[in-house]
Amino acid sequence: MTQRAQSSRPNNYFKLLKEAITGEEKDYTTGSINYAIFMLSVPMILEMVMESLFAVVDVFFVGKLGVEAVATVGLTESVITLVYSVAMGLSMAATAMVARRTGEKNADEASHTAVQAIYAGLFISAIVSVVGIVFAQDILKLMGASETVVANYRYTQIVLGSNIVIMLLFLINGIFRGAGDASIAMRSLWVANILNIILCPTLINGFGPIPAMGLTGAALATTIGRGVGVLYQCFHLFRGKGKIRILAKHFALDVSILGSLFRIAAGGTAQFLINSASWIFLMRIISKFGDDALAGYTIGIRVIIFTLLPAFGMANAAATLVGQNLGAQEPERAERSVWKAALYNMIFLGVVSVIFFIAADPIIRIFTSKPDVVEYGVQCLRYVCLGYVFYAYGMVLIQSFNGAGDTKTPTILNIFGFWMFQIPLAYTLAIIFELGPKGVFWAISIAESVIAVAAILLFRRGKWKQVKV
């Protein structure tokens, strides 16, 4: 290989990376599958990293306001998870349907579908807003909040009352992902996060003529940040040059499309709720072994989730490719795209699992130096990462089902895999066989592996190729 060829290779990589981030209109139903996966997965990975920053930034600044402030945020976040669940479900449905229309080269119908998805989101968020504003104090009391925490109900009112920005941010990004405009989805979260990082300390502590607003300032900062992110999305929906451009004719209400959206979204919402509830049950089992075990588990799981973000980006890319290729009447290309994405995901998570297994102790010690907590955190990392190779395939295949509009299959897999297998297995190993927290960690790894194998078998049957959306 010549020196010129060697030096040009890094330049080509940087050129591709820049192309993926800046985003240009492309057809992902023809050409190189590897290129399509790269172009879609890079901005989707960065998008998910941006989303994770919201919680980190808020906790960092709110933590300085005291325990009651943190408790208020925690309890409110527990309630807003319901909004996240619906938003994720609608986002999955929008991605599947817009991707299918995009693959059919029917940009007009894709834009019409996008409007119907936004109608659905507005309807649901309006209900949540009314309930959140009127019953904020009652909601906090129902969650077991002390009187001191209930006194901070203004924060809950603002967050729940303005849930429309959360709903639309998730939903419209799902529309862009379905159209293959993943870079716009990524940039909308960049805008939202940069504003949130600037506004959080400014509105909480005050600056110049801006008074210190405390916890209320945190709620306003997040709402304004997300709101501007939504405005950025809307600009590209109505004035942009991408595949989705909404015109006046697209605003006609279409009951048939709304029905399909709600049908697909129901499965997506159920998946999120089932998964979230299973982690709550596992947390309850771990809590039986004391605060150190709970702290070690919490730290371990947070490290695990953070490293899974790139993997979820790859899975979302696979979902878009499935939807678009099915719309283009290219089911075999859709299937090849999924297997390739799953392979790349397996390689990535395989490397991560080796790092976790070898360096678990120093990784956990970044967060704590307490010996017992470190021990439990190390166990969590080492045992859970043993299932990473299977999990890599599982997450890509499950998102691919969703991308095809088949949200029923992943929902059934989650019910059996998490509620009827993982939780009973965790209880049996941890409590009955007296393995303690190790039993829970083993159950997570085993259950995720079993779900992945089941997903592979079901995906190979190919029924997802016949789903109509």
Protein backbone atom coordinates (compact mmCIF):
# COMPACT_ATOMS: atom_id res chain seq x y z
CA MET A 1 0.00 0.00 0.00
CA THR A 2 1.39 3.40 -0.97
CA GLN A 3 1.98 6.18 1.54
CA ARG A 4 -0.61 8.32 -0.25
CA ALA A 5 -3.25 5.59 0.10
CA GLN A 6 -2.44 5.18 3.79
CA SER A 7 -2.70 8.91 4.48
CA SER A 8 -5.94 9.25 2.51
CA ARG A 9 -7.74 6.58 4.51
CA PRO A 10 -8.10 8.69 7.72
CA ASN A 11 -9.17 11.60 5.54
CA ASN A 12 -11.91 9.45 4.01
CA TYR A 13 -13.11 8.45 7.49
CA PHE A 14 -13.27 12.08 8.61
CA LYS A 15 -15.06 13.00 5.40
CA LEU A 16 -17.68 10.30 6.01
CA LEU A 17 -18.06 11.36 9.65
CA LYS A 18 -18.58 14.99 8.64
CA GLU A 19 -21.08 13.89 6.00
CA ALA A 20 -23.03 11.86 8.59
CA ILE A 21 -23.16 14.75 11.07
CA THR A 22 -24.04 17.51 8.62
CA GLY A 23 -26.63 15.35 6.89
CA GLU A 24 -27.64 15.34 3.26
CA GLU A 25 -30.66 13.85 1.54
CA LYS A 26 -29.85 10.22 0.68
CA ASP A 27 -31.56 7.10 -0.58
CA TYR A 28 -30.89 4.24 1.84
CA THR A 29 -32.76 1.65 -0.23
CA THR A 30 -29.94 1.31 -2.77
CA GLY A 31 -26.15 1.18 -2.69
CA SER A 32 -23.84 0.05 0.09
CA ILE A 33 -25.57 -1.24 3.24
CA ASN A 34 -22.44 -0.51 5.30
CA TYR A 35 -22.54 3.11 4.13
CA ALA A 36 -26.24 3.38 5.00
CA ILE A 37 -25.67 1.97 8.50
CA PHE A 38 -22.80 4.40 9.13
CA MET A 39 -24.67 7.45 7.84
CA LEU A 40 -27.69 6.70 10.01
CA SER A 41 -26.06 5.32 13.16
CA VAL A 42 -23.52 8.13 13.77
CA PRO A 43 -26.09 10.94 14.25
CA MET A 44 -28.45 8.58 16.11
CA ILE A 45 -25.69 7.65 18.56
CA LEU A 46 -24.88 11.32 19.15
CA GLU A 47 -28.59 12.10 19.51
CA MET A 48 -28.95 9.58 22.35
CA VAL A 49 -25.86 10.88 24.11
CA MET A 50 -27.38 14.39 23.95
CA GLU A 51 -30.66 13.13 25.44
CA SER A 52 -28.81 11.56 28.37
CA LEU A 53 -27.18 14.92 29.19
CA PHE A 54 -30.52 16.47 30.22
CA ALA A 55 -30.78 14.34 33.35
CA VAL A 56 -27.08 14.74 34.20
CA VAL A 57 -27.13 18.53 33.91
CA ASP A 58 -30.34 18.92 35.92
CA VAL A 59 -29.17 16.66 38.75
CA PHE A 60 -25.79 18.41 38.90
CA PHE A 61 -27.26 21.88 39.41
CA VAL A 62 -30.36 20.91 41.40
CA GLY A 63 -28.19 18.88 43.78
CA LYS A 64 -26.78 22.15 45.10
CA LEU A 65 -30.28 23.23 46.23
CA GLY A 66 -30.64 20.50 48.84
CA VAL A 67 -32.18 17.08 49.45
CA GLU A 68 -35.79 18.28 49.13
CA ALA A 69 -35.11 19.77 45.70
CA VAL A 70 -33.50 16.56 44.48
CA ALA A 71 -36.42 14.54 45.88
CA THR A 72 -38.91 16.77 44.05
CA VAL A 73 -37.07 16.26 40.79
CA GLY A 74 -36.84 12.50 41.37
CA LEU A 75 -40.54 12.07 42.14
CA THR A 76 -41.57 14.29 39.22
CA GLU A 77 -39.31 12.31 36.89
CA SER A 78 -40.99 9.12 38.08
CA VAL A 79 -44.36 10.51 36.98
CA ILE A 80 -43.06 12.02 33.74
CA THR A 81 -41.82 8.52 32.82
CA LEU A 82 -45.41 7.87 31.75
CA VAL A 83 -45.11 10.73 29.26
CA TYR A 84 -41.77 9.34 28.08
CA SER A 85 -43.43 5.97 27.56
CA VAL A 86 -46.19 7.39 25.38
CA ALA A 87 -43.72 9.65 23.55
CA MET A 88 -41.44 6.70 22.83
CA GLY A 89 -44.38 4.63 21.63
CA LEU A 90 -45.61 7.35 19.28
CA SER A 91 -42.04 7.97 18.14
CA MET A 92 -41.65 4.28 17.20
CA ALA A 93 -44.94 4.37 15.31
CA ALA A 94 -43.99 7.58 13.49
CA THR A 95 -40.58 6.16 12.55
CA ALA A 96 -42.13 2.96 11.16
CA MET A 97 -44.84 4.67 9.11
CA VAL A 98 -42.75 7.57 7.82
CA ALA A 99 -39.92 5.18 6.91
CA ARG A 100 -42.35 2.99 4.95
CA ARG A 101 -43.73 5.96 2.98
CA THR A 102 -40.19 7.27 2.41
CA GLY A 103 -39.11 3.90 1.07
CA GLU A 104 -42.10 4.00 -1.31
CA LYS A 105 -40.73 7.36 -2.56
CA ASN A 106 -43.99 8.96 -1.43
CA ALA A 107 -42.73 12.10 0.34
CA ASP A 108 -46.18 13.70 0.21
CA GLU A 109 -47.79 10.85 2.16
CA ALA A 110 -44.83 10.74 4.57
CA SER A 111 -45.42 14.42 5.38
CA HIS A 112 -49.15 13.80 5.80
CA THR A 113 -48.37 10.94 8.21
CA ALA A 114 -46.03 13.22 10.15
CA VAL A 115 -48.83 15.73 10.74
CA GLN A 116 -51.16 12.99 12.01
CA ALA A 117 -48.47 11.85 14.45
CA ILE A 118 -48.12 15.41 15.75
CA TYR A 119 -51.91 15.61 16.20
CA ALA A 120 -51.79 12.44 18.32
CA GLY A 121 -48.98 13.86 20.45
CA LEU A 122 -50.76 17.18 20.98
CA PHE A 123 -53.96 15.43 22.07
CA ILE A 124 -52.23 13.28 24.68
CA SER A 125 -50.00 16.07 25.99
CA ALA A 126 -53.01 18.37 26.46
CA ILE A 127 -54.61 15.83 28.82
CA VAL A 128 -51.36 15.40 30.79
CA SER A 129 -50.92 19.17 31.04
CA VAL A 130 -54.34 19.72 32.58
CA VAL A 131 -53.87 16.89 35.08
CA GLY A 132 -50.34 18.02 35.96
CA ILE A 133 -51.25 21.67 36.54
CA VAL A 134 -54.41 21.01 38.54
CA PHE A 135 -53.27 18.01 40.59
CA ALA A 136 -49.52 18.63 41.03
CA GLN A 137 -49.68 18.61 44.85
CA ASP A 138 -51.89 15.54 44.94
CA ILE A 139 -49.54 13.70 42.59
CA LEU A 140 -46.56 14.40 44.85
CA LYS A 141 -48.50 13.28 47.94
CA LEU A 142 -49.55 10.11 46.12
CA MET A 143 -45.86 9.41 45.45
CA GLY A 144 -45.17 9.61 49.18
CA ALA A 145 -43.59 13.08 49.24
CA SER A 146 -43.08 14.89 52.54
CA GLU A 147 -44.76 18.24 53.17
CA THR A 148 -41.46 20.00 52.46
CA VAL A 149 -41.23 18.35 49.06
CA VAL A 150 -44.91 19.00 48.28
CA ALA A 151 -44.20 22.68 48.89
CA ASN A 152 -42.04 22.56 45.73
CA TYR A 153 -45.07 21.62 43.62
CA ARG A 154 -44.46 24.53 41.23
CA TYR A 155 -41.62 22.52 39.69
CA THR A 156 -43.98 19.60 39.08
CA GLN A 157 -46.61 21.93 37.63
CA ILE A 158 -44.17 23.43 35.14
CA VAL A 159 -42.67 20.10 34.05
CA LEU A 160 -45.99 18.27 33.66
CA GLY A 161 -47.80 21.34 32.34
CA SER A 162 -45.20 21.82 29.61
CA ASN A 163 -44.88 18.14 28.75
CA ILE A 164 -45.76 19.05 25.16
CA VAL A 165 -42.09 19.94 24.52
CA ILE A 166 -41.01 16.49 25.73
CA MET A 167 -43.67 14.80 23.63
CA LEU A 168 -42.87 16.74 20.46
CA LEU A 169 -39.10 16.47 20.85
CA PHE A 170 -39.30 12.65 20.94
CA LEU A 171 -42.06 12.44 18.36
CA ILE A 172 -40.64 14.76 15.70
CA ASN A 173 -37.20 13.19 16.05
CA GLY A 174 -38.91 9.86 15.35
CA ILE A 175 -40.35 11.41 12.18
CA PHE A 176 -36.92 12.62 11.06
CA ARG A 177 -35.33 9.23 11.80
CA GLY A 178 -38.01 7.50 9.74
CA ALA A 179 -37.26 9.83 6.82
CA GLY A 180 -33.53 9.17 7.18
CA ASP A 181 -32.85 12.75 8.36
CA ALA A 182 -31.11 11.57 11.53
CA SER A 183 -28.72 14.53 11.60
CA ILE A 184 -31.62 16.97 12.11
CA ALA A 185 -32.83 14.92 15.08
CA MET A 186 -29.32 15.02 16.51
CA ARG A 187 -28.91 18.77 16.03
CA SER A 188 -32.27 19.54 17.65
CA LEU A 189 -30.99 17.93 20.85
CA TRP A 190 -27.71 19.80 20.58
CA VAL A 191 -29.67 23.06 20.51
CA ALA A 192 -31.86 21.98 23.44
CA ASN A 193 -28.90 20.81 25.54
CA ILE A 194 -26.69 23.83 24.97
CA LEU A 195 -29.52 26.11 26.06
CA ASN A 196 -30.30 23.93 29.07
CA ILE A 197 -26.66 23.98 30.19
CA ILE A 198 -26.57 27.79 29.93
CA LEU A 199 -29.99 28.46 31.43
CA CYS A 200 -29.88 25.99 34.34
CA PRO A 201 -27.28 27.82 36.48
CA THR A 202 -28.49 31.20 35.24
CA LEU A 203 -32.13 30.74 36.24
CA ILE A 204 -31.44 28.70 39.39
CA ASN A 205 -28.84 31.07 40.89
CA GLY A 206 -29.67 34.31 39.05
CA PHE A 207 -27.38 36.45 36.93
CA GLY A 208 -27.37 40.25 36.63
CA PRO A 209 -30.98 41.42 36.23
CA ILE A 210 -32.24 37.81 36.22
CA PRO A 211 -33.42 36.88 39.74
CA ALA A 212 -32.54 33.55 41.39
CA MET A 213 -35.51 31.22 40.88
CA GLY A 214 -34.20 28.08 42.57
CA LEU A 215 -36.00 24.88 41.62
CA THR A 216 -38.50 26.76 39.47
CA GLY A 217 -35.56 28.02 37.42
CA ALA A 218 -34.46 24.43 36.77
CA ALA A 219 -37.90 23.57 35.42
CA LEU A 220 -37.98 26.67 33.22
CA ALA A 221 -34.46 26.02 31.90
CA THR A 222 -35.30 22.50 30.81
CA THR A 223 -38.63 23.58 29.32
CA ILE A 224 -37.12 26.49 27.40
CA GLY A 225 -34.23 24.34 26.17
CA ARG A 226 -36.52 21.61 24.90
CA GLY A 227 -38.95 24.18 23.54
CA VAL A 228 -36.30 25.85 21.40
CA GLY A 229 -35.26 22.38 20.24
CA VAL A 230 -38.85 21.81 19.10
CA LEU A 231 -38.88 25.17 17.29
CA TYR A 232 -35.72 24.09 15.47
CA GLN A 233 -37.48 20.86 14.47
CA CYS A 234 -40.55 22.75 13.27
CA PHE A 235 -38.43 25.05 11.12
CA HIS A 236 -37.08 22.01 9.27
CA LEU A 237 -40.54 20.46 9.03
CA PHE A 238 -42.12 23.54 7.49
CA ARG A 239 -39.25 25.40 5.85
CA GLY A 240 -36.48 22.85 5.46
CA LYS A 241 -35.25 21.07 2.36
CA GLY A 242 -35.37 17.52 3.70
CA LYS A 243 -37.60 14.62 2.69
CA ILE A 244 -40.33 15.78 5.10
CA ARG A 245 -41.79 19.19 4.32
CA ILE A 246 -45.24 19.96 5.68
CA LEU A 247 -47.58 22.04 3.54
CA ALA A 248 -51.11 23.34 4.15
CA LYS A 249 -52.68 20.34 2.37
CA HIS A 250 -51.17 17.92 4.88
CA PHE A 251 -53.16 19.32 7.83
CA ALA A 252 -56.39 17.47 6.95
CA LEU A 253 -57.31 15.05 9.73
CA ASP A 254 -56.91 11.41 8.65
CA VAL A 255 -58.62 8.97 11.01
CA SER A 256 -57.23 5.87 9.27
CA ILE A 257 -53.62 7.01 9.71
CA LEU A 258 -54.31 8.04 13.31
CA GLY A 259 -55.74 4.58 13.97
CA SER A 260 -52.61 2.91 12.58
CA LEU A 261 -50.38 5.22 14.61
CA PHE A 262 -52.19 4.47 17.87
CA ARG A 263 -52.18 0.72 17.11
CA ILE A 264 -48.42 0.64 16.56
CA ALA A 265 -47.76 3.12 19.39
CA ALA A 266 -49.66 0.95 21.89
CA GLY A 267 -47.09 -1.81 21.45
CA GLY A 268 -44.16 0.59 21.66
CA THR A 269 -45.50 2.20 24.84
CA ALA A 270 -46.12 -1.21 26.40
CA GLN A 271 -42.54 -2.26 25.64
CA PHE A 272 -41.14 0.76 27.44
CA LEU A 273 -43.42 0.35 30.47
CA ILE A 274 -42.76 -3.39 30.75
CA ASN A 275 -39.01 -2.85 30.59
CA SER A 276 -39.06 0.02 33.10
CA ALA A 277 -41.27 -1.89 35.54
CA SER A 278 -38.96 -4.92 35.43
CA TRP A 279 -36.00 -2.79 36.54
CA ILE A 280 -38.09 -1.44 39.44
CA PHE A 281 -38.83 -5.01 40.59
CA LEU A 282 -35.14 -5.93 40.36
CA MET A 283 -34.29 -2.83 42.40
CA ARG A 284 -36.78 -4.02 45.02
CA ILE A 285 -35.09 -7.43 45.24
CA ILE A 286 -31.63 -5.83 45.52
CA SER A 287 -32.86 -3.52 48.31
CA LYS A 288 -33.32 -6.57 50.56
CA PHE A 289 -29.54 -6.85 50.81
CA GLY A 290 -28.91 -3.35 52.15
CA ASP A 291 -27.91 0.11 51.00
CA ASP A 292 -24.42 -0.93 49.88
CA ALA A 293 -25.83 -3.53 47.50
CA LEU A 294 -28.36 -1.01 46.19
CA ALA A 295 -25.68 1.64 45.67
CA GLY A 296 -23.36 -0.80 43.90
CA TYR A 297 -26.18 -1.96 41.64
CA THR A 298 -27.20 1.64 40.86
CA ILE A 299 -23.66 2.65 39.91
CA GLY A 300 -23.09 -0.51 37.88
CA ILE A 301 -26.34 -0.16 35.94
CA ARG A 302 -25.68 3.51 35.18
CA VAL A 303 -22.28 2.64 33.73
CA ILE A 304 -23.89 -0.16 31.71
CA ILE A 305 -26.68 2.06 30.36
CA PHE A 306 -24.21 4.77 29.37
CA THR A 307 -22.16 2.30 27.31
CA LEU A 308 -25.33 0.95 25.70
CA LEU A 309 -26.16 4.34 24.16
CA PRO A 310 -24.08 3.78 20.99
CA ALA A 311 -25.64 0.33 20.67
CA PHE A 312 -29.14 1.82 20.78
CA GLY A 313 -28.11 4.26 18.06
CA MET A 314 -27.14 1.32 15.87
CA ALA A 315 -30.46 -0.38 16.65
CA ASN A 316 -32.41 2.75 15.67
CA ALA A 317 -30.48 2.91 12.40
CA ALA A 318 -31.52 -0.68 11.68
CA ALA A 319 -35.16 0.20 12.37
CA THR A 320 -35.06 3.03 9.80
CA LEU A 321 -33.41 0.80 7.20
CA VAL A 322 -36.05 -1.89 7.72
CA GLY A 323 -38.94 0.53 7.29
CA GLN A 324 -37.51 2.25 4.21
CA ASN A 325 -36.48 -0.97 2.46
CA LEU A 326 -39.84 -2.61 3.09
CA GLY A 327 -41.47 0.47 1.58
CA ALA A 328 -39.18 0.12 -1.44
CA GLN A 329 -40.25 -3.53 -1.81
CA GLU A 330 -36.76 -4.69 -0.84
CA PRO A 331 -37.40 -7.09 2.09
CA GLU A 332 -34.20 -9.07 1.52
CA ARG A 333 -32.10 -5.89 1.64
CA ALA A 334 -33.95 -4.97 4.85
CA GLU A 335 -33.00 -8.31 6.38
CA ARG A 336 -29.35 -8.06 5.29
CA SER A 337 -29.20 -4.57 6.82
CA VAL A 338 -30.40 -5.92 10.16
CA TRP A 339 -27.89 -8.80 10.30
CA LYS A 340 -25.02 -6.45 9.42
CA ALA A 341 -26.08 -3.88 12.03
CA ALA A 342 -26.40 -6.67 14.61
CA LEU A 343 -22.90 -7.94 13.77
CA TYR A 344 -21.34 -4.49 14.18
CA ASN A 345 -23.25 -4.05 17.43
CA MET A 346 -21.97 -7.41 18.67
CA ILE A 347 -18.37 -6.43 17.91
CA PHE A 348 -18.76 -3.12 19.76
CA LEU A 349 -20.44 -4.58 22.85
CA GLY A 350 -18.08 -7.56 22.79
CA VAL A 351 -15.13 -5.17 23.15
CA VAL A 352 -16.96 -3.26 25.91
CA SER A 353 -17.69 -6.50 27.80
CA VAL A 354 -13.99 -7.47 27.77
CA ILE A 355 -13.06 -4.01 29.09
CA PHE A 356 -15.73 -4.23 31.81
CA PHE A 357 -14.66 -7.69 32.89
CA ILE A 358 -10.98 -6.73 33.15
CA ALA A 359 -11.31 -3.15 34.44
CA ALA A 360 -14.53 -3.39 36.49
CA ASP A 361 -12.82 -2.44 39.77
CA PRO A 362 -11.14 0.80 38.64
CA ILE A 363 -14.28 1.80 36.70
CA ILE A 364 -16.51 1.48 39.78
CA ARG A 365 -13.93 3.26 41.97
CA ILE A 366 -14.38 6.36 39.82
CA PHE A 367 -17.78 6.75 41.51
CA THR A 368 -17.15 5.39 45.01
CA SER A 369 -14.34 4.18 47.27
CA LYS A 370 -16.50 2.33 49.81
CA PRO A 371 -15.29 -1.31 49.69
CA ASP A 372 -18.68 -3.06 49.92
CA VAL A 373 -20.26 -0.78 47.32
CA VAL A 374 -17.29 -1.31 45.01
CA GLU A 375 -17.60 -5.08 45.41
CA TYR A 376 -21.29 -5.11 44.44
CA GLY A 377 -20.70 -2.69 41.56
CA VAL A 378 -17.89 -4.87 40.20
CA GLN A 379 -20.10 -7.96 40.42
CA CYS A 380 -22.86 -6.12 38.54
CA LEU A 381 -20.54 -5.05 35.72
CA ARG A 382 -18.85 -8.43 35.33
CA TYR A 383 -21.94 -10.64 35.44
CA VAL A 384 -24.24 -8.44 33.35
CA CYS A 385 -21.62 -7.85 30.63
CA LEU A 386 -21.43 -11.62 30.06
CA GLY A 387 -24.71 -11.30 28.16
CA TYR A 388 -23.60 -8.31 26.07
CA VAL A 389 -22.89 -10.30 22.90
CA PHE A 390 -26.43 -11.70 22.89
CA TYR A 391 -27.91 -8.37 23.96
CA ALA A 392 -26.20 -6.68 20.98
CA TYR A 393 -28.21 -8.85 18.62
CA GLY A 394 -31.39 -8.66 20.68
CA MET A 395 -31.67 -4.86 20.76
CA VAL A 396 -31.09 -4.54 17.01
CA LEU A 397 -33.66 -7.22 16.17
CA ILE A 398 -36.29 -5.83 18.54
CA GLN A 399 -35.92 -2.33 17.10
CA SER A 400 -36.08 -3.87 13.61
CA PHE A 401 -39.46 -5.43 14.45
CA ASN A 402 -40.58 -1.95 15.56
CA GLY A 403 -39.21 -0.42 12.37
CA ALA A 404 -41.33 -2.84 10.36
CA GLY A 405 -44.41 -1.76 12.32
CA ASP A 406 -44.55 -5.04 14.27
CA THR A 407 -44.57 -3.77 17.85
CA LYS A 408 -46.62 -6.76 19.02
CA THR A 409 -43.77 -9.29 18.79
CA PRO A 410 -41.30 -7.27 20.94
CA THR A 411 -44.07 -6.58 23.47
CA ILE A 412 -44.78 -10.29 23.87
CA LEU A 413 -41.04 -11.00 24.09
CA ASN A 414 -40.70 -8.39 26.85
CA ILE A 415 -43.65 -9.72 28.85
CA PHE A 416 -42.36 -13.29 28.83
CA GLY A 417 -38.67 -12.38 29.00
CA PHE A 418 -38.83 -9.83 31.78
CA TRP A 419 -41.94 -10.47 33.87
CA MET A 420 -42.33 -14.22 33.49
CA PHE A 421 -38.65 -15.19 33.35
CA GLN A 422 -36.18 -12.53 34.53
CA ILE A 423 -37.97 -11.40 37.69
CA PRO A 424 -38.88 -14.94 38.95
CA LEU A 425 -35.34 -16.12 38.12
CA ALA A 426 -33.79 -13.17 39.97
CA TYR A 427 -35.94 -13.86 43.04
CA THR A 428 -35.18 -17.59 42.93
CA LEU A 429 -31.42 -17.17 42.59
CA ALA A 430 -31.08 -14.23 45.01
CA ILE A 431 -33.54 -15.22 47.75
CA ILE A 432 -34.32 -18.95 47.53
CA PHE A 433 -30.83 -20.12 46.47
CA GLU A 434 -29.31 -17.40 48.68
CA LEU A 435 -26.92 -16.05 46.04
CA GLY A 436 -27.76 -12.50 47.06
CA PRO A 437 -27.23 -9.69 44.54
CA LYS A 438 -25.16 -12.07 42.38
CA GLY A 439 -28.40 -13.92 41.67
CA VAL A 440 -30.00 -10.75 40.30
CA PHE A 441 -26.97 -9.98 38.15
CA TRP A 442 -26.94 -13.52 36.75
CA ALA A 443 -30.69 -13.29 36.06
CA ILE A 444 -30.23 -10.08 34.04
CA SER A 445 -27.52 -11.64 31.89
CA ILE A 446 -29.38 -14.93 31.38
CA ALA A 447 -32.75 -13.29 30.62
CA GLU A 448 -31.31 -10.79 28.13
CA SER A 449 -29.54 -13.67 26.35
CA VAL A 450 -32.71 -15.77 26.21
CA ILE A 451 -34.74 -12.82 24.85
CA ALA A 452 -32.08 -12.26 22.18
CA VAL A 453 -32.13 -15.91 21.09
CA ALA A 454 -35.94 -15.85 20.92
CA ALA A 455 -35.80 -12.61 18.88
CA ILE A 456 -33.35 -14.21 16.43
CA LEU A 457 -35.62 -17.23 15.94
CA LEU A 458 -38.73 -15.08 15.43
CA PHE A 459 -36.92 -12.67 13.11
CA ARG A 460 -35.76 -15.56 10.92
CA ARG A 461 -39.38 -16.61 10.40
CA GLY A 462 -39.83 -13.41 8.40
CA LYS A 463 -43.42 -12.57 9.31
CA TRP A 464 -42.35 -8.97 9.98
CA LYS A 465 -41.91 -8.57 6.20
CA GLN A 466 -45.68 -8.87 5.70
CA VAL A 467 -46.75 -6.24 8.27
CA LYS A 468 -48.86 -3.47 6.72
CA VAL A 469 -48.48 0.08 8.04
